[in-house]
Amino acid sequence: MGNSIKRIISYLLIGVILVFTIIALLGIWEIIELQEVIRKMFLSLMVIFAASAVILFIFSVMIKDSETKPEK
């Protein structure tokens, strides 16, 4: 269960990075205007990374605790 959640979050982050990269490339080639878009994209990406790191940490701790139950 834990690996599937990590895999889903990893693919989601890869997708977000690809979308941001495409937008950045379109801005570099001046196909779209990037006045404040780049700054907002990087701030959004940092928030997504921070949130996913916290989620992965929580899941890894919860799964680790449930897998290593002390024997009585």
Protein backbone atom coordinates (compact mmCIF):
# COMPACT_ATOMS: atom_id res chain seq x y z
CA MET A 1 0.00 0.00 0.00
CA GLY A 2 2.76 2.44 0.89
CA ASN A 3 4.68 1.86 -2.32
CA SER A 4 1.61 2.49 -4.46
CA ILE A 5 0.96 5.82 -2.75
CA LYS A 6 4.57 6.86 -3.17
CA ARG A 7 4.46 5.82 -6.82
CA ILE A 8 1.26 7.83 -7.44
CA ILE A 9 2.71 10.92 -5.78
CA SER A 10 5.95 10.50 -7.74
CA TYR A 11 4.09 10.32 -11.05
CA LEU A 12 1.99 13.32 -10.06
CA LEU A 13 5.13 15.35 -9.31
CA ILE A 14 6.69 14.28 -12.62
CA GLY A 15 3.57 15.46 -14.42
CA VAL A 16 3.59 18.81 -12.63
CA ILE A 17 7.26 19.33 -13.45
CA LEU A 18 6.64 18.51 -17.11
CA VAL A 19 3.76 21.00 -17.31
CA PHE A 20 5.85 23.72 -15.66
CA THR A 21 8.76 22.96 -17.99
CA ILE A 22 6.56 23.26 -21.07
CA ILE A 23 5.15 26.59 -19.85
CA ALA A 24 8.66 27.86 -19.13
CA LEU A 25 9.88 26.82 -22.59
CA LEU A 26 6.92 28.54 -24.25
CA GLY A 27 7.81 31.68 -22.31
CA ILE A 28 11.47 31.49 -23.28
CA TRP A 29 10.53 31.25 -26.96
CA GLU A 30 8.10 34.16 -26.39
CA ILE A 31 5.08 32.17 -27.47
CA ILE A 32 3.32 33.19 -24.26
CA GLU A 33 3.88 36.14 -21.91
CA LEU A 34 5.52 35.22 -18.61
CA GLN A 35 5.31 38.39 -16.57
CA GLU A 36 4.50 36.81 -13.21
CA VAL A 37 3.90 33.24 -14.36
CA ILE A 38 7.43 31.94 -13.75
CA ARG A 39 7.55 33.25 -10.19
CA LYS A 40 4.13 31.79 -9.43
CA MET A 41 5.09 28.48 -11.03
CA PHE A 42 8.21 28.10 -8.89
CA LEU A 43 6.36 29.09 -5.72
CA SER A 44 3.62 26.59 -6.54
CA LEU A 45 6.20 23.90 -7.24
CA MET A 46 7.91 24.54 -3.90
CA VAL A 47 4.56 24.27 -2.08
CA ILE A 48 3.75 21.01 -3.90
CA PHE A 49 7.18 19.55 -3.08
CA ALA A 50 6.91 20.54 0.57
CA ALA A 51 3.41 19.10 0.88
CA SER A 52 4.39 15.85 -0.83
CA ALA A 53 7.48 15.50 1.36
CA VAL A 54 5.35 15.86 4.47
CA ILE A 55 2.79 13.37 3.14
CA LEU A 56 5.48 10.83 2.24
CA PHE A 57 7.10 11.25 5.66
CA ILE A 58 3.78 10.72 7.43
CA PHE A 59 2.97 7.63 5.37
CA SER A 60 6.44 6.18 5.85
CA VAL A 61 6.22 6.64 9.61
CA MET A 62 2.69 5.20 9.80
CA ILE A 63 3.54 2.22 7.61
CA LYS A 64 6.79 1.62 9.48
CA ASP A 65 4.93 1.65 12.81
CA SER A 66 2.26 -0.75 11.59
CA GLU A 67 4.81 -3.17 10.08
CA THR A 68 7.08 -3.29 13.16
CA LYS A 69 4.59 -4.16 15.85
CA PRO A 70 6.31 -5.43 18.99
CA GLU A 71 5.74 -9.11 19.73
CA LYS A 72 4.28 -9.98 23.12
